[in-house]
Amino acid sequence: LKNGMLFVDNIHLISQDKRSIIYDFITLQSKENFILIFSSGKNVDVEFEKNYFDSMPVIIDFPDLEERSLDERFEIIKDTLKNEAKKID
């Protein structure tokens, strides 16, 4: 994984022993140049032990779409359509 990237979708579906392997990898390879990206449809604060988060330098938490205001949802749609229009031009 040196100089690479690994994306793990739905990390909450991975068994605890496999997550422990990933955690060990993160802590043992901290000087290597790699990027790990995890996604989860669950509240990871509840699903994971705190030590997993302590080893991650950046955590980005996006609220569910239902938790966003109507104005914010329209803004997301507008921005998405603008970006797609730029790709067409």
Protein backbone atom coordinates (compact mmCIF):
# COMPACT_ATOMS: atom_id res chain seq x y z
CA LEU A 1 0.00 0.00 0.00
CA LYS A 2 3.05 2.26 -0.07
CA ASN A 3 2.31 5.40 -2.11
CA GLY A 4 -1.23 4.15 -2.65
CA MET A 5 -4.82 4.52 -1.58
CA LEU A 6 -7.39 2.07 -0.23
CA PHE A 7 -11.12 2.83 -0.11
CA VAL A 8 -13.23 0.66 2.20
CA ASP A 9 -16.95 1.14 1.66
CA ASN A 10 -19.29 0.29 4.54
CA ILE A 11 -16.55 -0.27 7.10
CA HIS A 12 -19.23 -1.04 9.68
CA LEU A 13 -19.94 -4.33 7.87
CA ILE A 14 -16.40 -5.61 8.39
CA SER A 15 -15.96 -7.93 11.36
CA GLN A 16 -14.20 -6.73 14.49
CA ASP A 17 -11.17 -8.97 13.88
CA LYS A 18 -10.71 -7.56 10.35
CA ARG A 19 -11.04 -4.01 11.68
CA SER A 20 -8.34 -4.87 14.22
CA ILE A 21 -6.05 -5.89 11.36
CA ILE A 22 -6.69 -2.54 9.66
CA TYR A 23 -6.06 -0.71 12.93
CA ASP A 24 -2.77 -2.57 13.43
CA PHE A 25 -1.77 -1.71 9.87
CA ILE A 26 -2.50 1.98 10.46
CA THR A 27 -0.49 2.14 13.66
CA LEU A 28 2.45 0.06 12.41
CA GLN A 29 2.74 1.75 9.01
CA SER A 30 2.22 5.33 10.16
CA LYS A 31 5.45 6.52 8.51
CA GLU A 32 4.52 5.11 5.09
CA ASN A 33 2.93 7.27 2.41
CA PHE A 34 -0.61 5.95 1.97
CA ILE A 35 -4.21 7.06 2.20
CA LEU A 36 -7.03 5.04 3.74
CA ILE A 37 -10.59 6.18 3.14
CA PHE A 38 -13.48 4.61 5.02
CA SER A 39 -17.18 5.15 4.53
CA SER A 40 -20.05 4.07 6.71
CA GLY A 41 -23.79 4.41 6.68
CA LYS A 42 -23.84 4.00 10.47
CA ASN A 43 -22.90 6.27 13.33
CA VAL A 44 -19.25 5.33 13.64
CA ASP A 45 -18.97 6.91 17.09
CA VAL A 46 -21.21 4.11 18.32
CA GLU A 47 -19.92 1.33 16.06
CA PHE A 48 -16.18 1.68 16.65
CA GLU A 49 -13.86 1.89 19.58
CA LYS A 50 -12.34 5.28 20.28
CA ASN A 51 -8.79 4.04 19.56
CA TYR A 52 -9.66 3.69 15.86
CA PHE A 53 -10.38 7.41 15.64
CA ASP A 54 -7.31 8.40 17.61
CA SER A 55 -5.11 6.88 14.90
CA MET A 56 -6.82 8.79 12.06
CA PRO A 57 -5.42 12.27 11.40
CA VAL A 58 -8.52 13.54 9.55
CA ILE A 59 -12.17 12.60 10.02
CA ILE A 60 -14.85 14.18 7.87
CA ASP A 61 -18.41 13.67 9.03
CA PHE A 62 -21.16 14.48 6.55
CA PRO A 63 -24.65 14.71 8.04
CA ASP A 64 -27.44 12.67 6.50
CA LEU A 65 -29.37 14.43 3.77
CA GLU A 66 -32.51 14.28 5.94
CA GLU A 67 -30.69 16.27 8.64
CA ARG A 68 -29.92 19.14 6.26
CA SER A 69 -32.22 22.10 5.75
CA LEU A 70 -34.29 22.42 2.58
CA ASP A 71 -32.16 25.40 1.48
CA GLU A 72 -28.99 23.36 1.92
CA ARG A 73 -30.45 20.49 -0.11
CA PHE A 74 -31.35 22.85 -2.96
CA GLU A 75 -27.84 24.32 -2.79
CA ILE A 76 -26.35 20.82 -3.15
CA ILE A 77 -28.58 20.13 -6.17
CA LYS A 78 -27.72 23.50 -7.74
CA ASP A 79 -23.97 22.98 -7.24
CA THR A 80 -24.14 19.46 -8.64
CA LEU A 81 -25.99 20.63 -11.75
CA LYS A 82 -23.49 23.49 -12.23
CA ASN A 83 -20.57 21.08 -12.02
CA GLU A 84 -22.18 18.70 -14.50
CA ALA A 85 -22.92 21.59 -16.89
CA LYS A 86 -19.24 22.61 -16.80
CA LYS A 87 -18.27 19.08 -17.84
CA ILE A 88 -20.55 19.30 -20.88
CA ASP A 89 -19.14 22.65 -22.10
